[in-house]
């Protein structure tokens, strides 16, 4: 293993993926995941094929596992934008609980261009899909590390 000094912090290569927003095939969720082994950094945003406009900056939330109550992760909002805060906090808490790691989540997903205009059902489907994708990426990375150590 390579040694590092106090000024050299090993950085992981970000994984970037995009996938269609459920029930709004013209809109994609773009996800960037950086697994620093001790924490996760995730950025989420949307892009619509029928609109060239960029999505404004959303909320940024930190969540960590709660040693005294594993089912209730702790979180704090580092930057808040009302329309994205709840979704961002929920994603951060679920991933902190599932991974057992501190998680930073930046989210600027917009449901304005979705098929039904951002109903609760659309948000829940997007939420589930984001968690599934991140979990899948982490599992694949973990499997890749196992293969590297076996050879």
C-alpha atoms as a PDB file:
ATOM      1  CA  UNK A   1       0.000   0.000   0.000  1.00  0.00           C
ATOM      2  CA  UNK A   2       1.313   3.463  -0.827  1.00  0.00           C
ATOM      3  CA  UNK A   3       2.168   5.712   2.061  1.00  0.00           C
ATOM      4  CA  UNK A   4       0.870   9.259   2.257  1.00  0.00           C
ATOM      5  CA  UNK A   5       1.951  12.324   4.137  1.00  0.00           C
ATOM      6  CA  UNK A   6      -0.353  14.712   5.949  1.00  0.00           C
ATOM      7  CA  UNK A   7      -0.624  16.905   2.827  1.00  0.00           C
ATOM      8  CA  UNK A   8      -1.359  13.999   0.479  1.00  0.00           C
ATOM      9  CA  UNK A   9      -4.896  12.725   0.771  1.00  0.00           C
ATOM     10  CA  UNK A  10      -5.668   9.764  -1.473  1.00  0.00           C
ATOM     11  CA  UNK A  11      -8.609  10.514  -3.696  1.00  0.00           C
ATOM     12  CA  UNK A  12     -10.939   8.098  -5.382  1.00  0.00           C
ATOM     13  CA  UNK A  13     -11.965   8.468  -8.973  1.00  0.00           C
ATOM     14  CA  UNK A  14     -15.561   9.678  -9.277  1.00  0.00           C
ATOM     15  CA  UNK A  15     -18.059   7.384 -10.985  1.00  0.00           C
ATOM     16  CA  UNK A  16     -20.522   9.217 -13.218  1.00  0.00           C
ATOM     17  CA  UNK A  17     -23.748   7.687 -14.509  1.00  0.00           C
ATOM     18  CA  UNK A  18     -27.052   8.916 -15.829  1.00  0.00           C
ATOM     19  CA  UNK A  19     -30.391   7.169 -15.994  1.00  0.00           C
ATOM     20  CA  UNK A  20     -33.911   8.207 -17.001  1.00  0.00           C
ATOM     21  CA  UNK A  21     -36.167   9.695 -14.377  1.00  0.00           C
ATOM     22  CA  UNK A  22     -39.007   7.226 -13.804  1.00  0.00           C
ATOM     23  CA  UNK A  23     -42.184   8.250 -15.681  1.00  0.00           C
ATOM     24  CA  UNK A  24     -40.307  11.078 -17.447  1.00  0.00           C
ATOM     25  CA  UNK A  25     -38.149   9.458 -20.108  1.00  0.00           C
ATOM     26  CA  UNK A  26     -37.160  12.848 -21.556  1.00  0.00           C
ATOM     27  CA  UNK A  27     -35.493  13.768 -18.248  1.00  0.00           C
ATOM     28  CA  UNK A  28     -32.338  12.070 -16.925  1.00  0.00           C
ATOM     29  CA  UNK A  29     -30.832  11.989 -13.465  1.00  0.00           C
ATOM     30  CA  UNK A  30     -27.090  12.535 -13.537  1.00  0.00           C
ATOM     31  CA  UNK A  31     -25.231  11.057 -10.583  1.00  0.00           C
ATOM     32  CA  UNK A  32     -21.603  11.423  -9.547  1.00  0.00           C
ATOM     33  CA  UNK A  33     -20.341   9.130  -6.787  1.00  0.00           C
ATOM     34  CA  UNK A  34     -16.945   9.362  -5.102  1.00  0.00           C
ATOM     35  CA  UNK A  35     -16.158   6.601  -2.624  1.00  0.00           C
ATOM     36  CA  UNK A  36     -13.329   7.829  -0.406  1.00  0.00           C
ATOM     37  CA  UNK A  37     -13.526   4.547   1.570  1.00  0.00           C
ATOM     38  CA  UNK A  38     -14.142   6.497   4.790  1.00  0.00           C
ATOM     39  CA  UNK A  39     -17.029   8.534   3.339  1.00  0.00           C
ATOM     40  CA  UNK A  40     -19.183   8.944   0.241  1.00  0.00           C
ATOM     41  CA  UNK A  41     -19.655  12.100  -1.828  1.00  0.00           C
ATOM     42  CA  UNK A  42     -22.683  12.138  -4.117  1.00  0.00           C
ATOM     43  CA  UNK A  43     -23.981  14.795  -6.476  1.00  0.00           C
ATOM     44  CA  UNK A  44     -27.386  14.519  -8.151  1.00  0.00           C
ATOM     45  CA  UNK A  45     -28.956  16.692 -10.838  1.00  0.00           C
ATOM     46  CA  UNK A  46     -31.379  16.427 -13.742  1.00  0.00           C
ATOM     47  CA  UNK A  47     -31.174  17.321 -17.408  1.00  0.00           C
ATOM     48  CA  UNK A  48     -34.066  17.416 -19.813  1.00  0.00           C
ATOM     49  CA  UNK A  49     -33.680  16.632 -23.500  1.00  0.00           C
ATOM     50  CA  UNK A  50     -36.270  19.253 -24.448  1.00  0.00           C
ATOM     51  CA  UNK A  51     -34.681  22.073 -22.452  1.00  0.00           C
ATOM     52  CA  UNK A  52     -31.142  23.373 -22.620  1.00  0.00           C
ATOM     53  CA  UNK A  53     -31.509  25.239 -19.329  1.00  0.00           C
ATOM     54  CA  UNK A  54     -29.299  24.210 -16.446  1.00  0.00           C
ATOM     55  CA  UNK A  55     -30.713  23.339 -13.044  1.00  0.00           C
ATOM     56  CA  UNK A  56     -29.810  25.765 -10.230  1.00  0.00           C
ATOM     57  CA  UNK A  57     -27.697  24.645  -7.284  1.00  0.00           C
ATOM     58  CA  UNK A  58     -29.631  22.660  -4.708  1.00  0.00           C
ATOM     59  CA  UNK A  59     -29.097  21.567  -1.124  1.00  0.00           C
ATOM     60  CA  UNK A  60     -25.961  19.959   0.322  1.00  0.00           C
ATOM     61  CA  UNK A  61     -26.419  17.631   3.317  1.00  0.00           C
ATOM     62  CA  UNK A  62     -24.089  15.628   5.542  1.00  0.00           C
ATOM     63  CA  UNK A  63     -25.340  12.455   7.244  1.00  0.00           C
ATOM     64  CA  UNK A  64     -23.559   9.923   9.403  1.00  0.00           C
ATOM     65  CA  UNK A  65     -24.454   6.701  11.161  1.00  0.00           C
ATOM     66  CA  UNK A  66     -25.719   7.132  14.712  1.00  0.00           C
ATOM     67  CA  UNK A  67     -23.849   4.740  17.037  1.00  0.00           C
ATOM     68  CA  UNK A  68     -26.509   4.980  19.740  1.00  0.00           C
ATOM     69  CA  UNK A  69     -29.406   4.384  17.328  1.00  0.00           C
ATOM     70  CA  UNK A  70     -28.345   2.644  14.098  1.00  0.00           C
ATOM     71  CA  UNK A  71     -31.763   3.061  12.474  1.00  0.00           C
ATOM     72  CA  UNK A  72     -31.744   6.849  12.942  1.00  0.00           C
ATOM     73  CA  UNK A  73     -28.717   8.424  11.185  1.00  0.00           C
ATOM     74  CA  UNK A  74     -27.726  11.962  12.137  1.00  0.00           C
ATOM     75  CA  UNK A  75     -27.736  14.698   9.508  1.00  0.00           C
ATOM     76  CA  UNK A  76     -27.119  18.375   9.073  1.00  0.00           C
ATOM     77  CA  UNK A  77     -27.799  20.653   6.129  1.00  0.00           C
ATOM     78  CA  UNK A  78     -24.646  22.442   5.003  1.00  0.00           C
ATOM     79  CA  UNK A  79     -26.396  24.445   2.269  1.00  0.00           C
ATOM     80  CA  UNK A  80     -30.158  24.693   1.959  1.00  0.00           C
ATOM     81  CA  UNK A  81     -32.530  25.301  -0.890  1.00  0.00           C
ATOM     82  CA  UNK A  82     -36.090  24.701   0.253  1.00  0.00           C
ATOM     83  CA  UNK A  83     -37.302  22.735  -2.771  1.00  0.00           C
ATOM     84  CA  UNK A  84     -34.470  20.178  -2.568  1.00  0.00           C
ATOM     85  CA  UNK A  85     -33.729  19.937   1.160  1.00  0.00           C
ATOM     86  CA  UNK A  86     -36.112  17.117   2.134  1.00  0.00           C
ATOM     87  CA  UNK A  87     -35.144  14.857  -0.780  1.00  0.00           C
ATOM     88  CA  UNK A  88     -31.427  15.479  -0.158  1.00  0.00           C
ATOM     89  CA  UNK A  89     -31.709  14.773   3.570  1.00  0.00           C
ATOM     90  CA  UNK A  90     -33.626  11.550   3.006  1.00  0.00           C
ATOM     91  CA  UNK A  91     -31.097  10.288   0.433  1.00  0.00           C
ATOM     92  CA  UNK A  92     -28.172  11.119   2.736  1.00  0.00           C
ATOM     93  CA  UNK A  93     -29.749   9.417   5.749  1.00  0.00           C
ATOM     94  CA  UNK A  94     -30.734   6.250   3.880  1.00  0.00           C
ATOM     95  CA  UNK A  95     -27.279   5.868   2.361  1.00  0.00           C
ATOM     96  CA  UNK A  96     -25.547   6.560   5.698  1.00  0.00           C
ATOM     97  CA  UNK A  97     -27.671   3.857   7.309  1.00  0.00           C
ATOM     98  CA  UNK A  98     -27.162   1.351   4.468  1.00  0.00           C
ATOM     99  CA  UNK A  99     -23.405   1.868   4.100  1.00  0.00           C
ATOM    100  CA  UNK A 100     -22.426   2.636   7.689  1.00  0.00           C
ATOM    101  CA  UNK A 101     -20.340   5.555   6.373  1.00  0.00           C
ATOM    102  CA  UNK A 102     -20.643   9.336   6.529  1.00  0.00           C
ATOM    103  CA  UNK A 103     -22.302  10.626   3.359  1.00  0.00           C
ATOM    104  CA  UNK A 104     -22.256  14.045   1.701  1.00  0.00           C
ATOM    105  CA  UNK A 105     -25.065  14.621  -0.818  1.00  0.00           C
ATOM    106  CA  UNK A 106     -25.468  17.565  -3.146  1.00  0.00           C
ATOM    107  CA  UNK A 107     -28.830  17.512  -4.898  1.00  0.00           C
ATOM    108  CA  UNK A 108     -30.286  19.782  -7.536  1.00  0.00           C
ATOM    109  CA  UNK A 109     -32.826  17.365  -9.009  1.00  0.00           C
ATOM    110  CA  UNK A 110     -35.790  19.226 -10.447  1.00  0.00           C
ATOM    111  CA  UNK A 111     -39.135  17.531 -10.921  1.00  0.00           C
ATOM    112  CA  UNK A 112     -40.601  20.477 -12.859  1.00  0.00           C
ATOM    113  CA  UNK A 113     -40.270  18.750 -16.239  1.00  0.00           C
ATOM    114  CA  UNK A 114     -41.564  15.363 -15.135  1.00  0.00           C
ATOM    115  CA  UNK A 115     -44.628  13.774 -16.680  1.00  0.00           C
ATOM    116  CA  UNK A 116     -46.983  14.708 -13.833  1.00  0.00           C
ATOM    117  CA  UNK A 117     -45.126  17.827 -12.658  1.00  0.00           C
ATOM    118  CA  UNK A 118     -43.397  16.370  -9.614  1.00  0.00           C
ATOM    119  CA  UNK A 119     -45.999  14.375  -7.725  1.00  0.00           C
ATOM    120  CA  UNK A 120     -45.130  12.475  -4.551  1.00  0.00           C
ATOM    121  CA  UNK A 121     -45.143   9.232  -6.560  1.00  0.00           C
ATOM    122  CA  UNK A 122     -42.598  10.628  -9.024  1.00  0.00           C
ATOM    123  CA  UNK A 123     -40.345  11.820  -6.221  1.00  0.00           C
ATOM    124  CA  UNK A 124     -40.545   8.456  -4.434  1.00  0.00           C
ATOM    125  CA  UNK A 125     -39.715   6.564  -7.626  1.00  0.00           C
ATOM    126  CA  UNK A 126     -36.738   8.843  -8.265  1.00  0.00           C
ATOM    127  CA  UNK A 127     -35.648   8.419  -4.640  1.00  0.00           C
ATOM    128  CA  UNK A 128     -35.802   4.617  -4.868  1.00  0.00           C
ATOM    129  CA  UNK A 129     -33.972   4.635  -8.191  1.00  0.00           C
ATOM    130  CA  UNK A 130     -31.162   6.862  -6.864  1.00  0.00           C
ATOM    131  CA  UNK A 131     -30.651   4.601  -3.832  1.00  0.00           C
ATOM    132  CA  UNK A 132     -30.685   1.501  -6.072  1.00  0.00           C
ATOM    133  CA  UNK A 133     -28.107   2.977  -8.450  1.00  0.00           C
ATOM    134  CA  UNK A 134     -25.742   4.120  -5.677  1.00  0.00           C
ATOM    135  CA  UNK A 135     -26.067   0.755  -3.890  1.00  0.00           C
ATOM    136  CA  UNK A 136     -25.360  -1.075  -7.146  1.00  0.00           C
ATOM    137  CA  UNK A 137     -22.300   1.044  -7.894  1.00  0.00           C
ATOM    138  CA  UNK A 138     -20.928   0.481  -4.404  1.00  0.00           C
ATOM    139  CA  UNK A 139     -21.542  -3.269  -4.645  1.00  0.00           C
ATOM    140  CA  UNK A 140     -19.748  -3.462  -8.004  1.00  0.00           C
ATOM    141  CA  UNK A 141     -16.814  -1.485  -6.621  1.00  0.00           C
ATOM    142  CA  UNK A 142     -16.687  -3.806  -3.610  1.00  0.00           C
ATOM    143  CA  UNK A 143     -16.725  -6.870  -5.853  1.00  0.00           C
ATOM    144  CA  UNK A 144     -13.903  -5.356  -7.933  1.00  0.00           C
ATOM    145  CA  UNK A 145     -11.806  -4.844  -4.796  1.00  0.00           C
ATOM    146  CA  UNK A 146     -12.395  -8.477  -3.766  1.00  0.00           C
ATOM    147  CA  UNK A 147     -11.185  -9.674  -7.170  1.00  0.00           C
ATOM    148  CA  UNK A 148      -8.066  -7.468  -6.934  1.00  0.00           C
ATOM    149  CA  UNK A 149      -7.122  -8.890  -3.531  1.00  0.00           C
ATOM    150  CA  UNK A 150      -7.689 -12.496  -4.662  1.00  0.00           C
ATOM    151  CA  UNK A 151      -5.266 -12.256  -7.559  1.00  0.00           C
END
